[in-house]
Amino acid sequence: MHTKSFQILVQSPDLGISLESIRNYETLSDLKLSLFPQSHHSFYFTFNGKPLPDQTPISQFPPLSTLSLRSRLRGGGGDGGATGAESRDCYLNMYADKKPDKVDPNEQRLSKWHNCALSNEPLREPCVIDKLGNIFNKEALVEALLGKKLPKEFGHIKGLKDMINIQLSAIPGADDGPKFQCPIAGLEFNGKYRFSALRNCGHVLSAKALREVKSSACLVCHKEYTEVDKIVLNGSEEEVAVLRERMEEEKAKIREKKSKKVKNDDGMGLEGTRLSGTKHGVDVKAVERVSAKVEEHVKLANGNVALNGAAAAKRFKAADMAPANATKNVYASIFTSSKKSEFKETFTCRSLPLGRN
């Protein structure tokens, strides 16, 4: 069977080949071998936009049909490098773990100076700091203490004594951005500048103002302070370590003072705990008189016990306690019956049977 001769037009936009007439080929593979003997696998034919297999007979195309010759893209299947060997699990594992969002360092810095360290809400009066320089809204910190919801990082705050009230200087008419500033230098409270709080008065001043103006008194209220009274706000790790060491030293001194007080109280005994009476309004002389009477009664009671033990057979009679000028029988009649009976007498009363008047 002789192959029919067909005229086929071939073009290749990738190779810059315009329309050429092709005849006497059985399949598209034979046609590619004739055009590219060494690299025929790098090309393929399309007809009306559809890819054609290499074994497609040329006889199935109508005469004067136009075939397009295109080059294959290297790297897999022409889809950007995918080879088809990847499984669906690869893509699922790729997006299974959510990548952490990148934190803007500027936003993180501003948050420490504009927001409460506990609630992350904007700072508003009244504000307090702890002994490590963290800034809080007082209301949020007190609520966390009452509800016992304070994080471990703020576990050193046990009560109001661990809070220091501060006074921030507001920027007039500030709506957005920093709301506070140094009342002396005018530097903004935004983390670009170092600030310190004076624990004795609570005023917050910039480090520049404290450095430029050499004074041992607050530049706002002129109250005297020492270097220990300066607390760096939102300090570096080294500065926080110094503040923490200072805080632990203060706690150790308080514990030592309490232990000494307890030892002194134990050693003084009753004699060392006498009241002076000047502070509490106690009449010391009256207390001493009462104490003397109590001691006397104790001695009498001890003496009566001894007498009762020595003469247990002797009974107590009311006449024995009669006053000096009183008749014993008349005095005894007040406490005892005037008639003799088999009923026993008791002290200050008579033992009467039921129905006896």
Protein backbone atom coordinates (compact mmCIF):
# COMPACT_ATOMS: atom_id res chain seq x y z
CA MET A 1 0.00 0.00 0.00
CA HIS A 2 1.48 3.23 -1.09
CA THR A 3 1.38 6.23 1.16
CA LYS A 4 -0.69 9.02 -0.17
CA SER A 5 1.02 12.31 -0.63
CA PHE A 6 -0.43 15.09 1.54
CA GLN A 7 0.65 18.67 1.72
CA ILE A 8 0.89 19.80 5.36
CA LEU A 9 1.90 23.25 6.48
CA VAL A 10 4.19 23.56 9.54
CA GLN A 11 4.99 26.69 11.52
CA SER A 12 6.95 27.28 14.74
CA PRO A 13 6.63 30.64 16.57
CA ASP A 14 9.21 29.47 19.14
CA LEU A 15 11.84 28.67 16.49
CA GLY A 16 10.91 31.46 14.14
CA ILE A 17 9.80 29.11 11.34
CA SER A 18 7.10 30.45 9.06
CA LEU A 19 4.77 28.25 7.04
CA GLU A 20 6.52 25.42 5.23
CA SER A 21 5.02 22.73 3.03
CA ILE A 22 5.67 19.13 4.12
CA ARG A 23 4.95 15.97 2.07
CA ASN A 24 5.41 12.18 2.12
CA TYR A 25 5.61 11.40 5.90
CA GLU A 26 3.55 8.80 7.69
CA THR A 27 3.57 10.01 11.30
CA LEU A 28 4.48 13.14 13.20
CA SER A 29 7.49 11.31 14.69
CA ASP A 30 8.93 10.84 11.18
CA LEU A 31 8.37 14.49 10.48
CA LYS A 32 10.23 15.54 13.67
CA LEU A 33 13.14 13.23 12.88
CA SER A 34 13.52 14.83 9.49
CA LEU A 35 13.52 18.30 10.97
CA PHE A 36 15.56 17.65 14.18
CA PRO A 37 17.46 14.36 13.98
CA GLN A 38 19.37 14.93 17.26
CA SER A 39 16.80 16.69 19.47
CA HIS A 40 13.42 15.57 18.20
CA HIS A 41 12.28 14.75 21.80
CA SER A 42 12.47 18.42 22.73
CA PHE A 43 9.57 19.35 20.43
CA TYR A 44 5.93 18.48 19.95
CA PHE A 45 3.15 19.31 17.49
CA THR A 46 -0.20 21.00 18.22
CA PHE A 47 -3.25 21.30 16.04
CA ASN A 48 -5.81 23.97 16.81
CA GLY A 49 -4.13 24.45 20.20
CA LYS A 50 -4.25 20.77 21.24
CA PRO A 51 -1.01 18.76 21.78
CA LEU A 52 -0.60 15.76 19.45
CA PRO A 53 1.13 12.41 20.19
CA ASP A 54 4.18 11.60 18.12
CA GLN A 55 2.51 8.47 16.67
CA THR A 56 -0.35 10.45 15.13
CA PRO A 57 -0.69 9.60 11.40
CA ILE A 58 -0.39 12.58 9.11
CA SER A 59 -3.11 11.12 6.88
CA GLN A 60 -5.79 12.01 9.45
CA PHE A 61 -5.31 15.73 8.85
CA PRO A 62 -7.09 17.42 6.00
CA PRO A 63 -4.89 18.65 3.14
CA LEU A 64 -3.20 21.99 3.71
CA SER A 65 -3.69 21.71 7.50
CA THR A 66 -1.38 23.86 9.60
CA LEU A 67 0.53 22.19 12.43
CA SER A 68 2.40 24.18 15.07
CA LEU A 69 5.77 22.96 16.29
CA ARG A 70 6.59 23.94 19.89
CA SER A 71 9.51 23.26 22.18
CA ARG A 72 9.07 21.46 25.48
CA LEU A 73 9.87 23.35 28.70
CA ARG A 74 12.61 21.72 30.76
CA GLY A 75 12.28 21.00 34.44
CA GLY A 76 9.46 18.48 34.64
CA GLY A 77 6.11 18.79 32.97
CA GLY A 78 6.18 22.36 31.79
CA ASP A 79 4.19 23.55 34.82
CA GLY A 80 6.89 25.43 36.68
CA GLY A 81 9.09 22.58 37.83
CA ALA A 82 6.59 20.01 39.13
CA THR A 83 7.43 16.47 38.09
CA GLY A 84 4.20 14.87 39.28
CA ALA A 85 6.05 12.80 41.86
CA GLU A 86 5.03 15.01 44.76
CA SER A 87 2.20 13.75 46.90
CA ARG A 88 -0.63 15.74 48.37
CA ASP A 89 0.87 15.30 51.85
CA CYS A 90 3.80 17.50 50.89
CA TYR A 91 1.52 20.47 50.42
CA LEU A 92 -0.53 19.67 53.52
CA ASN A 93 2.60 19.46 55.68
CA MET A 94 3.87 22.67 54.18
CA TYR A 95 0.90 24.65 55.48
CA ALA A 96 0.09 22.54 58.54
CA ASP A 97 2.20 24.62 60.94
CA LYS A 98 1.27 28.26 60.95
CA LYS A 99 4.31 30.42 60.67
CA PRO A 100 4.60 33.04 63.42
CA ASP A 101 3.78 36.54 62.38
CA LYS A 102 6.71 38.86 62.16
CA VAL A 103 6.73 41.39 64.99
CA ASP A 104 7.61 44.94 64.14
CA PRO A 105 10.34 45.96 66.61
CA ASN A 106 9.13 49.56 66.55
CA GLU A 107 5.59 48.54 67.48
CA GLN A 108 6.92 46.30 70.24
CA ARG A 109 9.01 49.13 71.64
CA LEU A 110 6.13 51.61 71.57
CA SER A 111 3.80 49.11 73.25
CA LYS A 112 6.02 48.96 76.36
CA TRP A 113 5.86 52.75 76.77
CA HIS A 114 2.27 53.39 75.72
CA ASN A 115 0.44 50.38 77.20
CA CYS A 116 0.04 48.70 80.56
CA ALA A 117 2.53 45.86 81.07
CA LEU A 118 -0.24 43.62 82.45
CA SER A 119 -3.44 44.36 80.49
CA ASN A 120 -1.78 45.84 77.35
CA GLU A 121 -4.35 48.65 77.49
CA PRO A 122 -3.30 52.28 76.87
CA LEU A 123 -1.77 53.92 79.93
CA ARG A 124 -4.15 56.15 81.86
CA GLU A 125 -4.00 57.78 85.26
CA PRO A 126 -3.49 56.58 87.92
CA CYS A 127 -0.35 54.69 86.90
CA VAL A 128 2.08 52.74 89.05
CA ILE A 129 5.39 50.94 88.61
CA ASP A 130 6.95 47.99 90.38
CA LYS A 131 10.48 47.94 91.77
CA LEU A 132 11.78 46.56 88.45
CA GLY A 133 10.55 49.48 86.33
CA ASN A 134 7.46 47.93 84.70
CA ILE A 135 4.57 50.36 84.11
CA PHE A 136 0.96 49.44 84.95
CA ASN A 137 -2.50 50.89 85.10
CA LYS A 138 -3.18 50.79 88.83
CA GLU A 139 -6.76 49.58 88.39
CA ALA A 140 -5.72 46.59 86.25
CA LEU A 141 -2.94 45.60 88.67
CA VAL A 142 -5.17 45.81 91.76
CA GLU A 143 -7.88 43.72 90.06
CA ALA A 144 -5.32 41.05 89.16
CA LEU A 145 -4.05 40.96 92.75
CA LEU A 146 -7.55 40.63 94.20
CA GLY A 147 -8.47 37.91 91.70
CA LYS A 148 -5.11 36.14 92.16
CA LYS A 149 -4.56 36.25 88.38
CA LEU A 150 -1.11 37.84 88.38
CA PRO A 151 1.35 36.11 85.98
CA LYS A 152 4.49 34.50 87.38
CA GLU A 153 6.70 37.19 85.85
CA PHE A 154 5.07 39.68 88.23
CA GLY A 155 5.05 37.33 91.22
CA HIS A 156 7.24 39.73 93.21
CA ILE A 157 4.24 42.06 93.57
CA LYS A 158 2.40 40.97 96.72
CA GLY A 159 0.37 44.06 97.57
CA LEU A 160 0.11 47.85 97.52
CA LYS A 161 3.45 48.19 99.29
CA ASP A 162 5.15 46.80 96.17
CA MET A 163 3.56 49.48 93.93
CA ILE A 164 5.01 52.96 93.46
CA ASN A 165 2.64 55.69 92.34
CA ILE A 166 4.04 57.78 89.48
CA GLN A 167 3.05 61.09 87.93
CA LEU A 168 3.30 61.25 84.13
CA SER A 169 3.39 64.61 82.39
CA ALA A 170 0.80 64.64 79.59
CA ILE A 171 1.42 66.30 76.21
CA PRO A 172 -1.27 68.98 75.69
CA GLY A 173 -3.63 68.17 72.81
CA ALA A 174 -1.97 64.85 71.95
CA ASP A 175 -4.50 62.53 70.27
CA ASP A 176 -2.33 60.00 68.43
CA GLY A 177 1.17 58.87 69.21
CA PRO A 178 2.98 59.59 72.49
CA LYS A 179 0.77 61.09 75.18
CA PHE A 180 3.42 61.80 77.82
CA GLN A 181 6.70 63.68 77.93
CA CYS A 182 9.48 64.79 80.23
CA PRO A 183 8.26 67.90 82.08
CA ILE A 184 11.77 69.41 82.02
CA ALA A 185 13.37 68.45 78.66
CA GLY A 186 10.14 67.90 76.69
CA LEU A 187 11.33 64.53 75.33
CA GLU A 188 8.53 62.18 74.25
CA PHE A 189 7.69 59.10 76.29
CA ASN A 190 8.11 56.72 73.32
CA GLY A 191 11.07 54.46 74.14
CA LYS A 192 13.69 56.39 72.17
CA TYR A 193 14.87 58.08 75.34
CA ARG A 194 15.62 56.67 78.79
CA PHE A 195 13.32 57.69 81.65
CA SER A 196 13.52 57.22 85.42
CA ALA A 197 10.94 57.54 88.19
CA LEU A 198 11.73 59.00 91.61
CA ARG A 199 10.16 56.68 94.19
CA ASN A 200 10.00 59.32 96.95
CA CYS A 201 7.76 61.72 94.96
CA GLY A 202 6.69 59.71 91.88
CA HIS A 203 7.72 62.21 89.18
CA VAL A 204 8.98 60.70 85.90
CA LEU A 205 11.92 62.52 84.32
CA SER A 206 14.14 61.81 81.34
CA ALA A 207 17.72 60.68 81.89
CA LYS A 208 18.88 63.69 79.91
CA ALA A 209 17.20 66.12 82.31
CA LEU A 210 18.65 64.34 85.36
CA ARG A 211 22.08 64.33 83.74
CA GLU A 212 22.12 67.92 82.56
CA VAL A 213 20.74 69.46 85.75
CA LYS A 214 22.99 68.42 88.61
CA SER A 215 20.72 68.37 91.64
CA SER A 216 19.89 66.11 94.57
CA ALA A 217 16.28 67.33 94.56
CA CYS A 218 13.40 66.59 92.18
CA LEU A 219 13.35 69.10 89.34
CA VAL A 220 9.55 69.35 89.57
CA CYS A 221 8.65 69.37 93.28
CA HIS A 222 12.20 69.98 94.67
CA LYS A 223 11.95 67.06 97.08
CA GLU A 224 15.28 65.55 98.08
CA TYR A 225 16.16 62.09 96.74
CA THR A 226 19.11 59.72 96.65
CA GLU A 227 20.50 57.53 93.89
CA VAL A 228 18.65 54.54 95.35
CA ASP A 229 15.33 56.35 94.79
CA LYS A 230 15.85 56.38 90.99
CA ILE A 231 14.12 53.50 89.17
CA VAL A 232 14.84 53.08 85.47
CA LEU A 233 11.64 52.48 83.46
CA ASN A 234 11.62 49.60 80.94
CA GLY A 235 15.35 49.18 81.38
CA SER A 236 17.72 46.77 79.67
CA GLU A 237 18.51 43.31 81.06
CA GLU A 238 21.53 44.68 82.94
CA GLU A 239 19.51 47.53 84.48
CA VAL A 240 16.69 45.19 85.49
CA ALA A 241 19.24 42.83 87.09
CA VAL A 242 20.56 45.72 89.22
CA LEU A 243 17.02 46.69 90.28
CA ARG A 244 16.20 43.07 91.14
CA GLU A 245 19.33 42.76 93.29
CA ARG A 246 18.40 45.99 95.10
CA MET A 247 14.86 44.69 95.70
CA GLU A 248 16.16 41.43 97.18
CA GLU A 249 18.48 43.35 99.51
CA GLU A 250 15.55 45.43 100.78
CA LYS A 251 13.51 42.30 101.45
CA ALA A 252 16.42 40.71 103.32
CA LYS A 253 16.76 43.79 105.55
CA ILE A 254 13.04 43.73 106.37
CA ARG A 255 13.17 40.03 107.28
CA GLU A 256 16.24 40.60 109.47
CA LYS A 257 14.55 43.50 111.25
CA LYS A 258 11.45 41.43 111.97
CA SER A 259 13.47 38.50 113.29
CA LYS A 260 15.39 40.81 115.68
CA LYS A 261 12.14 42.28 116.96
CA VAL A 262 10.71 38.83 117.67
CA LYS A 263 13.88 37.79 119.54
CA ASN A 264 13.81 40.93 121.67
CA ASP A 265 10.16 40.38 122.58
CA ASP A 266 10.86 36.77 123.61
CA GLY A 267 13.80 37.78 125.82
CA MET A 268 12.02 40.58 127.69
CA GLY A 269 9.31 38.40 129.23
CA LEU A 270 6.57 39.92 131.41
CA GLU A 271 8.82 42.50 133.03
CA GLY A 272 10.02 43.84 129.69
CA THR A 273 6.52 44.25 128.25
CA ARG A 274 5.19 46.82 130.74
CA LEU A 275 3.20 49.62 129.14
CA SER A 276 4.39 53.17 129.55
CA GLY A 277 0.84 54.51 129.35
CA THR A 278 1.87 57.55 127.34
CA LYS A 279 0.70 56.25 123.96
CA HIS A 280 -2.37 54.19 124.77
CA GLY A 281 -3.74 56.30 127.65
CA VAL A 282 -3.36 53.55 130.28
CA ASP A 283 -3.24 54.48 133.99
CA VAL A 284 -0.11 52.60 135.00
CA LYS A 285 -0.61 53.19 138.75
CA ALA A 286 -4.13 51.76 138.63
CA VAL A 287 -2.83 48.71 136.79
CA GLU A 288 -0.16 48.23 139.44
CA ARG A 289 -2.73 48.50 142.26
CA VAL A 290 -4.95 45.89 140.61
CA SER A 291 -1.94 43.62 140.11
CA ALA A 292 -1.05 43.94 143.81
CA LYS A 293 -4.59 43.02 144.87
CA VAL A 294 -4.57 40.03 142.56
CA GLU A 295 -1.31 38.81 144.05
CA GLU A 296 -2.71 39.28 147.56
CA HIS A 297 -5.82 37.26 146.74
CA VAL A 298 -3.67 34.54 145.25
CA LYS A 299 -1.64 34.35 148.44
CA LEU A 300 -4.80 34.23 150.58
CA ALA A 301 -6.25 31.51 148.42
CA ASN A 302 -3.07 29.50 148.71
CA GLY A 303 -3.17 29.99 152.50
CA ASN A 304 -6.79 28.87 152.72
CA VAL A 305 -5.99 25.78 150.73
CA ALA A 306 -3.21 24.96 153.18
CA LEU A 307 -5.48 25.52 156.16
CA ASN A 308 -8.24 23.41 154.66
CA GLY A 309 -5.76 20.64 154.03
CA ALA A 310 -4.45 20.75 157.63
CA ALA A 311 -7.87 20.99 159.35
CA ALA A 312 -10.24 19.34 156.93
CA ALA A 313 -12.49 18.23 159.79
CA LYS A 314 -13.30 21.83 160.80
CA ARG A 315 -16.35 23.15 158.97
CA PHE A 316 -16.91 26.71 157.93
CA LYS A 317 -19.47 28.69 160.01
CA ALA A 318 -20.96 32.05 159.16
CA ALA A 319 -20.46 33.28 162.75
CA ASP A 320 -16.69 32.99 162.32
CA MET A 321 -16.80 35.85 159.76
CA ALA A 322 -18.95 38.18 161.93
CA PRO A 323 -17.78 41.81 162.25
CA ALA A 324 -16.13 42.93 165.47
CA ASN A 325 -19.16 44.77 166.94
CA ALA A 326 -21.82 42.31 165.75
CA THR A 327 -23.48 39.57 167.75
CA LYS A 328 -22.39 36.27 166.28
CA ASN A 329 -25.76 34.57 166.68
CA VAL A 330 -27.63 37.47 165.06
CA TYR A 331 -25.09 37.62 162.23
CA ALA A 332 -25.28 33.88 161.74
CA SER A 333 -29.09 34.00 161.60
CA ILE A 334 -28.86 35.95 158.36
CA PHE A 335 -27.32 32.95 156.66
CA THR A 336 -28.67 30.02 158.70
CA SER A 337 -31.99 28.84 160.10
CA SER A 338 -32.86 29.76 163.68
CA LYS A 339 -34.31 26.29 164.24
CA LYS A 340 -32.25 23.21 164.50
CA SER A 341 -33.01 20.64 161.88
CA GLU A 342 -31.45 17.75 160.13
CA PHE A 343 -30.90 19.80 156.97
CA LYS A 344 -27.38 20.93 156.19
CA GLU A 345 -26.47 24.60 155.85
CA THR A 346 -24.55 26.04 152.94
CA PHE A 347 -22.63 29.24 152.53
CA THR A 348 -24.96 32.30 151.97
CA CYS A 349 -28.12 30.17 151.76
CA ARG A 350 -30.25 27.60 153.60
CA SER A 351 -31.04 24.16 152.37
CA LEU A 352 -34.82 23.96 152.47
CA PRO A 353 -37.03 21.01 151.53
CA LEU A 354 -39.78 21.47 149.00
CA GLY A 355 -42.93 23.00 150.50
CA ARG A 356 -41.14 24.47 153.58
CA ASN A 357 -41.62 28.19 154.27
